[in-house]
Amino acid sequence: MTQALSPAVAIARDLIRCPSVTPAEGGALAFLERLLGEAGFTVSRVTFSDTDTPDVENLFATIGSGAPHFVFAGHTDVVPAGAESDWQHDPFGGEIRDGVLYGRGAVDMKGGIASFAAAALAFIAERGKAFGGTISFLITGDEEGPAVNGTSKLLAWAKEQGYVFDACIVGEPTNPAALGDAIKIGRRGYLSGIVTVEGTQGHAAYPQLADNPIPGLLALMSALDALVLDTGNERFEPSNLEIVNLHVGNPAFNVIPARAEGRFNIRFNDEWTLDALKARLHETLATAARPGLRYSLDFRRDAGESFLTRDDALITALANAVEAVTGRRPDLTTNGGTSDARYIKSYCPVVEFGLVGQTMHKVDECTPVADLDQLAAVYRRFLDSYFAG
């Protein structure tokens, strides 16, 4: 006899079975629309567009009335599975083996969405719609992609509709080893850039007739690689710059290329602003460039400042819920990458707590089903505390 699945596990399985690789909706938002709508949520599906990026569908669902207004936030889009032949389990099959749920998004972050959906549905089923406030879901399909037509625009849309948020939990995988290890109370900023050096194409046997851009690019990227931005502080890890790509687009051995390009990414702490960091990078390249070198530095528009959440009531309520369910008192951290919390922090206090992140973006991404149920229990205990009145 097949054992019945818990709500959190069943929702996670069904979400994984929706192939919602950015920017495809894949059926994930439609599934949540049905699930939440049947429970009494008012659900809106909103599509946003912009130049040079694909259209993206998003979802906003709300129930209750008045303050306090609490938000669960997350994304149903996932990164590509890669070569499916490398997987032992169908990346979009939602297969459960030996107490483990497999599939793309199991950890990042359909599992988190499933757990907070299960928690909210159980809360509403017990307390009804008149629970003394409002619960909303802010779900995007553009977190793993350009992040242009997702959460930032959905927040602006919700504000135009008159919604004012008081607190938010993002269900990203935050725990390094075990559920209950860590709550993210802030994030470093991020900045990506492209250094382009222009040369003159020519025959490799006649370098005097060409201008090879590669040595110039190597000098500039070496200067960036050697740059020590800071040593960190009590709030954040040290800032780091990583070279992520060098490209000339030249497959021939006897041709000097006309152009060379290097790409980098920076994760920076609160000792920097974006403007100060950009100025430092321009200064570093200007110092390293040989006279006459033709180069440019361009920054991607999806950049963001660091932030730190200082809402003690929100942080304490979540930490208490985590400890009550898992037996662990979570560390309060700001390490790791970035998330859509970078947009939410401009609208309300925000923290992040979700599953263990060890398999996110990997082949055979997976999570123990017990963790999904424990995470749902954490979220439910938090809601009971937050809406105690």
Foldseek 3Di string as FASTA:
>chain_A
DDDDAAQLLVQLLVLLLQQLAPQRPSCNVVVVCVLVVVLPWDKDWDWDDDPPGDIHIWMKTKFADDPDEEEEEAESHFHDQPPCVVFPDRQSRQDADPQKTWHTCCQRHSSLVSLLSSLVSVVCVVCPRHLPHMYMYTYTSDWPHPPPTGDLVSVVVVVVVPDAHAEYAYAHADAAPFALAAKEQKAFWKWKKKKKWFKAKDWQVCCVVIGARVVQVVLLVVLVQPDQDDCDDPAAHGKHKDWDDKDQPDPDPTMRGGMIMTMMMIGHHPVDDPVRVVVVSVVSSVVRGDPPTDMDMDIDPPIAHIDGFDPPVLVVLLQVLSCVLPVHRYDHHHDDDDGCVRSCVVRYRYMYHHHHDPQHPHRRDMDRSVRSNSSSSSSNSSVCVVSVD
